[in-house]
Amino acid sequence: MADTTGNTEETRTAGTPAPVPRARWRHIGPGIVVAATGVGAGDLVATLVAGSNFGYTLLWAAVVGCLVKISLAEAAGRWHLSTGRTLFDGWASLGRWTTYFFAVYAVVWGFVYGAAAMSSSALPLQALFPGVTDLKWWAVGCGLVGLVFVWFNKYAVFEKVMTVLVGVMFLVTVYLAVRVAPNLADAFAGLLPVLPDEKDSVLNTLGLIGGVGGTITLAAYGYWVNAKGWTDTGWMKVMRLDNRVAYATTGVFVVAMLFVGAELLHSAHVAVASGDKGLIQLGDILAAEYGTATAKFFLIGFFATSFTSLIGVWHGVSLMFADFVARSRGTGTGTASGEQVASGARERSWPFRAYLLWLTFPPIVLLFQGQPFRLVILYGVLGAAFLPFLALTLMWLLNSSRTPRQWRNGPLSNTALAVAGLLFLVLCGKQIWDQPWSEFF
């Protein structure tokens, strides 16, 4: 992303090491990880459904969604690099309420998300290998593979595997977009900000903008930046290039799926279900239209999309939880740099591995017994509340004396974070309003 601090040159904080060489493509890494983790099956379905319902009309909204998330990830990365402190340490400086929010969020969200991620990864496997075993056992297998992979591998290996899976996702989505022969004139027209002439079009459009490319993984970006070895302001230009790559990649994924929805479904008046099962339906439609080989190729991409989200959350949110526990117990320095990050100590810590276990084994119970109604409601509310929490706290931190003056927000970054915070507050309010609270009590 461009320099949103409003400065005309990169100024290093006192005492930091000499700047690294200028940003090059070979440095890219955390951005690929955040793009892969942030784009799950749900994001692809959302843009697919938008394309099937409105054609190319909301293409602009998908692009705006990527720009909004760029500002959030850049702010998180800038906090880590400019202060030498972790994001949770910044949150803790704002008051105990941030600790309480994150503690409840980590427990409830992680419990329900674990089951959702495992099920999402299992669906394409069951479709690729019908009759081998039940969906629940595919889901258990995905969760256990993710656990073992993240438990025994450090960030460098994790990043390489994520890069390969992103390559698969990229090939599949671009192939499908080309295969359906998009109408480029209509696509360019879809870049004009126009709302569909339908009821609730504003809220649907805001939902598409807010749903593109990640929730808590945006906060995890700063931790992945540190795990890569970027720990001071000398890496700021590299981080910004990396962040741009992340959301350019995300943009390719969601725009490609909107093309598929617009050409394959909208023109034929075919509807697919919301949620992961909509992608299974798309696989059946592709098989009927283009043959079994294309459908299987798509299912491989579907699995790559879902499994990268699984292992990305298993790794990134566990890093955050490890920092949370260290800060809460007073056993960690709250710094983003230094020996702990360089040695990968967080990835070997007991809180990191304890949260890995929490994401894997308790959710298996949900796979076999169904998700408790009240827990699902809390999960939805907490998930909706996280992005406004992230946007507004980053705006607070990066405009205060906690951040060195030269790295504080400029007008562009403040505008972007304010728009993001307002957008996510509206979506959070809608999510809370839509919950069946009368059945909760």
Protein backbone atom coordinates (compact mmCIF):
# COMPACT_ATOMS: atom_id res chain seq x y z
CA MET A 1 0.00 0.00 0.00
CA ALA A 2 1.10 3.57 -0.48
CA ASP A 3 2.50 5.49 2.45
CA THR A 4 -0.67 6.42 4.34
CA THR A 5 1.13 8.19 7.16
CA GLY A 6 1.37 11.36 5.10
CA ASN A 7 5.19 11.45 5.18
CA THR A 8 7.30 12.30 2.15
CA GLU A 9 10.13 9.95 3.10
CA GLU A 10 10.78 6.89 5.24
CA THR A 11 12.28 7.97 8.55
CA ARG A 12 13.69 5.35 10.85
CA THR A 13 13.17 5.45 14.58
CA ALA A 14 16.23 6.15 16.67
CA GLY A 15 18.42 3.20 17.41
CA THR A 16 16.97 0.88 14.76
CA PRO A 17 19.24 -1.13 12.44
CA ALA A 18 20.17 0.13 9.00
CA PRO A 19 17.39 -0.26 6.46
CA VAL A 20 17.15 -3.46 4.48
CA PRO A 21 17.56 -3.40 0.68
CA ARG A 22 14.69 -1.85 -1.25
CA ALA A 23 11.49 -3.84 -1.49
CA ARG A 24 11.76 -6.73 -3.91
CA TRP A 25 9.42 -9.51 -4.95
CA ARG A 26 11.65 -12.11 -3.30
CA HIS A 27 10.75 -10.66 0.10
CA ILE A 28 7.05 -11.39 -0.33
CA GLY A 29 5.67 -13.88 2.20
CA PRO A 30 3.32 -12.77 5.00
CA GLY A 31 1.07 -11.14 2.42
CA ILE A 32 0.60 -14.45 0.63
CA VAL A 33 -0.21 -16.06 3.98
CA VAL A 34 -2.80 -13.44 4.94
CA ALA A 35 -4.40 -13.59 1.48
CA ALA A 36 -4.64 -17.38 1.60
CA THR A 37 -6.03 -17.41 5.13
CA GLY A 38 -8.41 -14.52 4.63
CA VAL A 39 -10.09 -15.84 1.49
CA GLY A 40 -12.12 -18.81 2.60
CA ALA A 41 -14.91 -20.72 0.95
CA GLY A 42 -17.42 -18.27 2.43
CA ASP A 43 -15.80 -15.33 0.62
CA LEU A 44 -15.86 -17.18 -2.69
CA VAL A 45 -19.51 -18.09 -2.21
CA ALA A 46 -20.43 -14.51 -1.28
CA THR A 47 -18.93 -13.13 -4.50
CA LEU A 48 -20.32 -16.04 -6.53
CA VAL A 49 -23.83 -15.32 -5.19
CA ALA A 50 -23.36 -11.58 -5.81
CA GLY A 51 -22.45 -12.35 -9.41
CA SER A 52 -25.37 -14.73 -9.85
CA ASN A 53 -27.87 -12.23 -8.39
CA PHE A 54 -26.61 -8.94 -9.81
CA GLY A 55 -24.25 -9.79 -12.67
CA TYR A 56 -21.31 -7.38 -12.78
CA THR A 57 -23.13 -4.59 -10.93
CA LEU A 58 -21.27 -5.09 -7.64
CA LEU A 59 -17.78 -5.65 -9.07
CA TRP A 60 -16.80 -2.25 -7.66
CA ALA A 61 -17.85 -3.37 -4.16
CA ALA A 62 -15.49 -6.37 -4.29
CA VAL A 63 -12.64 -4.04 -5.28
CA VAL A 64 -13.50 -1.57 -2.49
CA GLY A 65 -13.53 -4.50 -0.03
CA CYS A 66 -9.93 -5.26 -0.93
CA LEU A 67 -8.89 -1.61 -0.51
CA VAL A 68 -10.55 -1.45 2.93
CA LYS A 69 -8.69 -4.53 4.11
CA ILE A 70 -5.39 -3.16 2.72
CA SER A 71 -5.70 -0.21 5.08
CA LEU A 72 -6.35 -2.47 8.08
CA ALA A 73 -3.48 -4.86 7.38
CA GLU A 74 -1.07 -2.00 6.64
CA ALA A 75 -2.00 -0.36 9.94
CA ALA A 76 -1.42 -3.60 11.87
CA GLY A 77 1.95 -4.14 10.19
CA ARG A 78 2.96 -0.50 10.74
CA TRP A 79 2.17 -0.77 14.45
CA HIS A 80 4.40 -3.82 14.87
CA LEU A 81 7.31 -2.38 12.90
CA SER A 82 7.23 1.21 14.17
CA THR A 83 6.78 0.49 17.88
CA GLY A 84 8.54 -2.84 18.33
CA ARG A 85 5.45 -3.93 20.27
CA THR A 86 2.82 -6.51 19.42
CA LEU A 87 -0.76 -5.63 18.61
CA PHE A 88 -2.05 -7.26 21.77
CA ASP A 89 0.38 -5.20 23.82
CA GLY A 90 -1.10 -2.14 22.13
CA TRP A 91 -4.63 -3.28 22.90
CA ALA A 92 -3.71 -3.91 26.54
CA SER A 93 -2.48 -0.31 26.83
CA LEU A 94 -6.02 0.88 25.99
CA GLY A 95 -7.55 -0.74 29.07
CA ARG A 96 -8.63 -4.05 30.54
CA TRP A 97 -11.77 -4.14 28.42
CA THR A 98 -9.66 -5.17 25.40
CA THR A 99 -8.32 -8.15 27.37
CA TYR A 100 -11.82 -9.27 28.33
CA PHE A 101 -13.07 -8.92 24.77
CA PHE A 102 -10.20 -10.90 23.28
CA ALA A 103 -10.40 -13.63 25.94
CA VAL A 104 -14.11 -14.28 25.28
CA TYR A 105 -13.62 -13.96 21.54
CA ALA A 106 -10.69 -16.39 21.44
CA VAL A 107 -12.57 -19.05 23.40
CA VAL A 108 -16.02 -18.88 21.75
CA TRP A 109 -14.93 -17.96 18.22
CA GLY A 110 -12.15 -20.56 18.17
CA PHE A 111 -14.48 -23.32 19.37
CA VAL A 112 -17.10 -22.78 16.65
CA TYR A 113 -14.67 -21.76 13.89
CA GLY A 114 -12.70 -24.97 14.37
CA ALA A 115 -15.73 -27.05 13.44
CA ALA A 116 -16.64 -24.76 10.53
CA ALA A 117 -13.12 -24.83 9.07
CA MET A 118 -12.85 -28.60 9.30
CA SER A 119 -16.25 -29.08 7.65
CA SER A 120 -15.40 -26.63 4.87
CA SER A 121 -12.16 -28.49 4.09
CA ALA A 122 -13.98 -31.83 4.16
CA LEU A 123 -16.71 -30.95 1.64
CA PRO A 124 -14.54 -30.93 -1.51
CA LEU A 125 -12.73 -34.08 -0.38
CA GLN A 126 -16.02 -35.92 -0.02
CA ALA A 127 -17.05 -34.70 -3.48
CA LEU A 128 -13.70 -35.75 -5.00
CA PHE A 129 -13.78 -39.19 -3.34
CA PRO A 130 -17.46 -40.10 -2.97
CA GLY A 131 -18.30 -43.13 -0.87
CA VAL A 132 -14.89 -43.36 0.85
CA THR A 133 -16.10 -42.17 4.24
CA ASP A 134 -18.56 -39.88 5.98
CA LEU A 135 -18.17 -36.08 5.82
CA LYS A 136 -17.55 -35.92 9.58
CA TRP A 137 -14.53 -38.22 9.34
CA TRP A 138 -13.09 -36.21 6.45
CA ALA A 139 -13.50 -33.15 8.69
CA VAL A 140 -11.74 -34.83 11.62
CA GLY A 141 -8.91 -35.85 9.32
CA CYS A 142 -8.47 -32.28 8.03
CA GLY A 143 -8.36 -30.93 11.56
CA LEU A 144 -5.76 -33.48 12.68
CA VAL A 145 -3.58 -32.92 9.61
CA GLY A 146 -3.71 -29.17 10.26
CA LEU A 147 -2.80 -29.70 13.90
CA VAL A 148 0.19 -31.92 13.13
CA PHE A 149 1.43 -29.64 10.36
CA VAL A 150 1.35 -26.45 12.44
CA TRP A 151 2.61 -28.19 15.61
CA PHE A 152 5.80 -29.53 14.01
CA ASN A 153 6.64 -26.85 11.44
CA LYS A 154 7.86 -23.31 11.96
CA TYR A 155 6.89 -20.22 10.00
CA ALA A 156 9.32 -20.73 7.09
CA VAL A 157 7.84 -24.13 6.14
CA PHE A 158 4.31 -22.90 6.84
CA GLU A 159 4.80 -19.98 4.43
CA LYS A 160 6.15 -22.23 1.65
CA VAL A 161 3.17 -24.61 1.88
CA MET A 162 0.73 -21.70 1.92
CA THR A 163 2.42 -20.26 -1.17
CA VAL A 164 1.97 -23.54 -3.06
CA LEU A 165 -1.71 -23.74 -2.09
CA VAL A 166 -2.24 -20.11 -3.10
CA GLY A 167 -0.73 -21.00 -6.48
CA VAL A 168 -3.35 -23.75 -6.84
CA MET A 169 -6.13 -21.33 -5.84
CA PHE A 170 -4.87 -18.76 -8.34
CA LEU A 171 -4.70 -21.21 -11.23
CA VAL A 172 -8.18 -22.59 -10.55
CA THR A 173 -9.97 -19.26 -10.14
CA VAL A 174 -8.28 -17.62 -13.13
CA TYR A 175 -8.94 -20.69 -15.27
CA LEU A 176 -12.64 -20.63 -14.37
CA ALA A 177 -12.88 -16.90 -15.03
CA VAL A 178 -11.36 -17.36 -18.49
CA ARG A 179 -13.42 -20.50 -19.16
CA VAL A 180 -16.75 -18.74 -18.72
CA ALA A 181 -15.66 -16.03 -21.21
CA PRO A 182 -16.53 -12.87 -19.25
CA ASN A 183 -18.06 -9.89 -20.96
CA LEU A 184 -15.25 -7.40 -20.40
CA ALA A 185 -17.34 -4.37 -21.40
CA ASP A 186 -19.91 -5.21 -18.72
CA ALA A 187 -17.13 -5.98 -16.26
CA PHE A 188 -15.55 -2.53 -16.71
CA ALA A 189 -19.00 -0.97 -16.37
CA GLY A 190 -19.31 -2.83 -13.06
CA LEU A 191 -16.44 -0.75 -11.66
CA LEU A 192 -18.79 2.23 -11.49
CA PRO A 193 -20.34 2.48 -8.00
CA VAL A 194 -23.96 1.63 -8.71
CA LEU A 195 -26.39 -0.08 -6.35
CA PRO A 196 -28.76 -2.83 -7.54
CA ASP A 197 -32.37 -1.73 -7.79
CA GLU A 198 -33.57 -4.16 -5.15
CA LYS A 199 -34.66 -4.17 -1.52
CA ASP A 200 -31.80 -4.11 1.04
CA SER A 201 -29.31 -3.44 -1.75
CA VAL A 202 -27.28 -1.09 0.49
CA LEU A 203 -26.85 -3.67 3.24
CA ASN A 204 -26.10 -6.42 0.72
CA THR A 205 -23.45 -4.23 -0.89
CA LEU A 206 -21.90 -3.34 2.47
CA GLY A 207 -21.88 -7.04 3.34
CA LEU A 208 -19.96 -7.85 0.17
CA ILE A 209 -17.44 -5.10 0.87
CA GLY A 210 -16.96 -6.22 4.46
CA GLY A 211 -16.78 -9.91 3.61
CA VAL A 212 -13.83 -9.76 1.22
CA GLY A 213 -10.65 -11.21 2.62
CA GLY A 214 -10.34 -11.93 6.29
CA THR A 215 -11.35 -11.04 9.84
CA ILE A 216 -8.99 -11.86 12.68
CA THR A 217 -6.33 -12.82 10.14
CA LEU A 218 -5.88 -9.09 9.47
CA ALA A 219 -4.74 -8.72 13.07
CA ALA A 220 -2.51 -11.78 12.71
CA TYR A 221 -0.70 -10.11 9.80
CA GLY A 222 1.60 -8.18 12.14
CA TYR A 223 2.57 -11.41 13.90
CA TRP A 224 3.41 -13.07 10.58
CA VAL A 225 5.47 -10.00 9.63
CA ASN A 226 7.51 -10.49 12.81
CA ALA A 227 7.75 -14.26 12.29
CA LYS A 228 9.27 -13.52 8.87
CA GLY A 229 12.03 -11.61 10.68
CA TRP A 230 10.77 -8.10 9.89
CA THR A 231 11.03 -6.37 13.25
CA ASP A 232 11.89 -2.69 12.71
CA THR A 233 11.08 0.26 10.48
CA GLY A 234 13.78 -0.67 7.98
CA TRP A 235 11.26 -3.25 6.69
CA MET A 236 8.39 -0.77 6.27
CA LYS A 237 8.62 -0.48 2.46
CA VAL A 238 8.89 -4.25 2.16
CA MET A 239 5.81 -4.72 4.35
CA ARG A 240 3.82 -2.28 2.24
CA LEU A 241 4.74 -4.05 -0.99
CA ASP A 242 3.89 -7.38 0.64
CA ASN A 243 0.51 -6.02 1.75
CA ARG A 244 -0.32 -4.75 -1.73
CA VAL A 245 0.47 -8.18 -3.14
CA ALA A 246 -1.79 -9.78 -0.53
CA TYR A 247 -4.86 -7.85 -1.53
CA ALA A 248 -4.12 -7.83 -5.25
CA THR A 249 -4.15 -11.62 -4.94
CA THR A 250 -7.36 -11.47 -2.93
CA GLY A 251 -8.86 -9.22 -5.58
CA VAL A 252 -8.06 -11.74 -8.31
CA PHE A 253 -9.82 -14.51 -6.35
CA VAL A 254 -13.03 -12.63 -5.63
CA VAL A 255 -13.29 -10.90 -9.03
CA ALA A 256 -12.77 -14.24 -10.79
CA MET A 257 -15.57 -15.83 -8.76
CA LEU A 258 -17.85 -12.88 -9.46
CA PHE A 259 -17.16 -13.42 -13.19
CA VAL A 260 -18.17 -17.06 -12.79
CA GLY A 261 -21.36 -16.08 -10.98
CA ALA A 262 -22.22 -13.41 -13.52
CA GLU A 263 -21.62 -15.51 -16.64
CA LEU A 264 -22.42 -19.06 -15.56
CA LEU A 265 -25.27 -18.47 -13.12
CA HIS A 266 -26.77 -15.00 -13.67
CA SER A 267 -27.33 -15.38 -17.40
CA ALA A 268 -28.91 -18.83 -16.91
CA HIS A 269 -30.95 -17.71 -13.86
CA VAL A 270 -29.38 -20.43 -11.74
CA ALA A 271 -29.22 -19.94 -7.96
CA VAL A 272 -26.82 -21.60 -5.55
CA ALA A 273 -27.07 -21.92 -1.80
CA SER A 274 -25.20 -19.60 0.51
CA GLY A 275 -22.45 -21.21 2.55
CA ASP A 276 -19.90 -23.81 1.56
CA LYS A 277 -22.48 -26.11 -0.03
CA GLY A 278 -22.95 -23.50 -2.73
CA LEU A 279 -19.49 -24.40 -4.04
CA ILE A 280 -20.46 -28.07 -4.20
CA GLN A 281 -23.47 -27.04 -6.29
CA LEU A 282 -21.15 -25.02 -8.52
CA GLY A 283 -19.03 -28.14 -9.00
CA ASP A 284 -22.11 -29.99 -10.27
CA ILE A 285 -22.97 -27.12 -12.62
CA LEU A 286 -19.41 -27.03 -13.97
CA ALA A 287 -19.50 -30.79 -14.56
CA ALA A 288 -22.72 -30.47 -16.59
CA GLU A 289 -21.45 -27.46 -18.54
CA TYR A 290 -17.76 -28.18 -19.10
CA GLY A 291 -17.16 -31.79 -18.11
CA THR A 292 -15.95 -33.80 -15.15
CA ALA A 293 -12.31 -32.74 -15.45
CA THR A 294 -13.17 -29.05 -14.99
CA ALA A 295 -15.38 -29.87 -12.01
CA LYS A 296 -12.63 -31.89 -10.33
CA PHE A 297 -10.08 -29.15 -11.00
CA PHE A 298 -12.46 -26.70 -9.31
CA LEU A 299 -12.91 -29.00 -6.29
CA ILE A 300 -9.12 -29.15 -5.86
CA GLY A 301 -9.10 -25.34 -5.78
CA PHE A 302 -12.03 -25.39 -3.34
CA PHE A 303 -10.01 -27.65 -1.01
CA ALA A 304 -6.92 -25.42 -1.29
CA THR A 305 -9.06 -22.39 -0.41
CA SER A 306 -10.60 -24.04 2.65
CA PHE A 307 -7.48 -25.77 3.94
CA THR A 308 -5.32 -22.63 3.71
CA SER A 309 -7.89 -20.87 5.88
CA LEU A 310 -7.75 -23.74 8.35
CA ILE A 311 -3.99 -23.92 8.79
CA GLY A 312 -3.68 -20.13 8.55
CA VAL A 313 -5.98 -19.65 11.52
CA TRP A 314 -4.39 -22.60 13.35
CA HIS A 315 -1.03 -20.80 13.05
CA GLY A 316 -1.84 -17.07 13.12
CA VAL A 317 -4.47 -16.95 15.87
CA SER A 318 -2.39 -19.33 17.99
CA LEU A 319 0.48 -16.83 17.72
CA MET A 320 -1.85 -14.10 18.93
CA PHE A 321 -3.12 -16.27 21.78
CA ALA A 322 0.44 -17.05 22.87
CA ASP A 323 1.18 -13.33 23.00
CA PHE A 324 -2.08 -12.73 24.88
CA VAL A 325 -1.22 -15.30 27.55
CA ALA A 326 2.37 -14.05 27.93
CA ARG A 327 1.17 -10.46 28.31
CA SER A 328 -1.62 -11.41 30.73
CA ARG A 329 0.70 -13.48 32.92
CA GLY A 330 3.43 -10.87 32.86
CA THR A 331 5.90 -13.42 31.45
CA GLY A 332 6.33 -11.72 28.08
CA THR A 333 7.84 -8.38 27.18
CA GLY A 334 5.06 -7.51 24.74
CA THR A 335 7.70 -6.75 22.13
CA ALA A 336 7.45 -7.67 18.48
CA SER A 337 11.19 -7.92 18.03
CA GLY A 338 14.11 -9.56 19.73
CA GLU A 339 15.25 -13.04 20.56
CA GLN A 340 11.78 -14.51 21.14
CA VAL A 341 10.58 -13.74 17.60
CA ALA A 342 13.89 -14.56 15.94
CA SER A 343 14.01 -18.00 17.53
CA GLY A 344 10.36 -18.81 16.89
CA ALA A 345 9.81 -19.18 20.63
CA ARG A 346 6.11 -18.32 20.37
CA GLU A 347 5.55 -21.26 18.03
CA ARG A 348 7.06 -23.61 20.62
CA SER A 349 5.32 -22.11 23.65
CA TRP A 350 2.66 -24.00 25.58
CA PRO A 351 -0.07 -21.33 24.99
CA PHE A 352 0.49 -21.60 21.20
CA ARG A 353 0.08 -25.36 21.34
CA ALA A 354 -2.76 -25.23 23.84
CA TYR A 355 -4.77 -23.02 21.49
CA LEU A 356 -3.95 -25.36 18.62
CA LEU A 357 -5.51 -28.16 20.64
CA TRP A 358 -8.51 -25.96 21.46
CA LEU A 359 -9.10 -25.26 17.76
CA THR A 360 -8.93 -28.97 16.94
CA PHE A 361 -10.35 -31.31 19.57
CA PRO A 362 -13.34 -29.59 21.25
CA PRO A 363 -14.81 -28.65 17.82
CA ILE A 364 -14.78 -32.34 16.86
CA VAL A 365 -17.58 -32.76 19.41
CA LEU A 366 -19.61 -30.18 17.47
CA LEU A 367 -19.08 -32.12 14.25
CA PHE A 368 -20.87 -35.14 15.71
CA GLN A 369 -23.44 -33.47 17.97
CA GLY A 370 -24.39 -30.34 16.06
CA GLN A 371 -23.56 -26.78 17.04
CA PRO A 372 -25.25 -25.49 20.24
CA PHE A 373 -27.75 -22.80 19.25
CA ARG A 374 -26.70 -20.17 21.79
CA LEU A 375 -23.03 -20.70 21.07
CA VAL A 376 -23.61 -20.13 17.36
CA ILE A 377 -25.37 -16.84 18.10
CA LEU A 378 -22.49 -15.67 20.31
CA TYR A 379 -20.05 -16.75 17.61
CA GLY A 380 -21.87 -14.66 15.02
CA VAL A 381 -22.00 -11.59 17.25
CA LEU A 382 -18.36 -11.81 18.35
CA GLY A 383 -17.20 -12.39 14.79
CA ALA A 384 -19.15 -9.34 13.59
CA ALA A 385 -17.74 -7.22 16.44
CA PHE A 386 -14.09 -8.04 15.80
CA LEU A 387 -13.47 -5.93 12.68
CA PRO A 388 -14.93 -2.69 14.11
CA PHE A 389 -12.87 -3.41 17.24
CA LEU A 390 -9.74 -3.83 15.10
CA ALA A 391 -10.34 -0.77 12.92
CA LEU A 392 -11.15 1.60 15.76
CA THR A 393 -8.40 0.43 18.12
CA LEU A 394 -5.80 0.69 15.35
CA MET A 395 -6.99 4.22 14.65
CA TRP A 396 -6.66 5.01 18.36
CA LEU A 397 -3.18 3.50 18.70
CA LEU A 398 -1.76 5.03 15.53
CA ASN A 399 -2.91 8.55 16.39
CA SER A 400 -1.52 8.50 19.93
CA SER A 401 1.87 8.97 21.55
CA ARG A 402 2.18 5.18 21.67
CA THR A 403 3.36 5.40 18.05
CA PRO A 404 6.49 7.35 17.06
CA ARG A 405 5.39 10.62 15.46
CA GLN A 406 6.76 9.87 11.99
CA TRP A 407 4.74 6.65 11.78
CA ARG A 408 1.40 7.95 13.03
CA ASN A 409 -1.61 8.07 10.76
CA GLY A 410 -1.90 10.68 8.07
CA PRO A 411 -5.20 11.92 6.60
CA LEU A 412 -5.44 9.06 4.10
CA SER A 413 -4.96 6.33 6.67
CA ASN A 414 -7.31 8.01 9.14
CA THR A 415 -9.99 8.28 6.46
CA ALA A 416 -9.57 4.64 5.42
CA LEU A 417 -9.71 3.35 9.01
CA ALA A 418 -12.68 5.58 9.86
CA VAL A 419 -14.59 4.33 6.81
CA ALA A 420 -13.67 0.74 7.70
CA GLY A 421 -14.76 1.22 11.32
CA LEU A 422 -18.09 2.75 10.29
CA LEU A 423 -18.71 0.04 7.70
CA PHE A 424 -18.04 -2.75 10.16
CA LEU A 425 -20.09 -1.10 12.90
CA VAL A 426 -23.10 -1.05 10.55
CA LEU A 427 -22.56 -4.69 9.60
CA CYS A 428 -22.08 -5.62 13.26
CA GLY A 429 -25.35 -3.89 14.16
CA LYS A 430 -27.16 -5.73 11.37
CA GLN A 431 -25.70 -9.06 12.50
CA ILE A 432 -26.81 -8.45 16.09
CA TRP A 433 -30.26 -7.29 14.95
CA ASP A 434 -30.74 -10.38 12.77
CA GLN A 435 -30.01 -12.85 15.57
CA PRO A 436 -33.07 -14.71 16.97
CA TRP A 437 -32.60 -13.32 20.48
CA SER A 438 -36.10 -14.34 21.59
CA GLU A 439 -35.05 -17.97 21.24
CA PHE A 440 -31.72 -17.33 22.97
CA PHE A 441 -33.20 -16.70 26.43
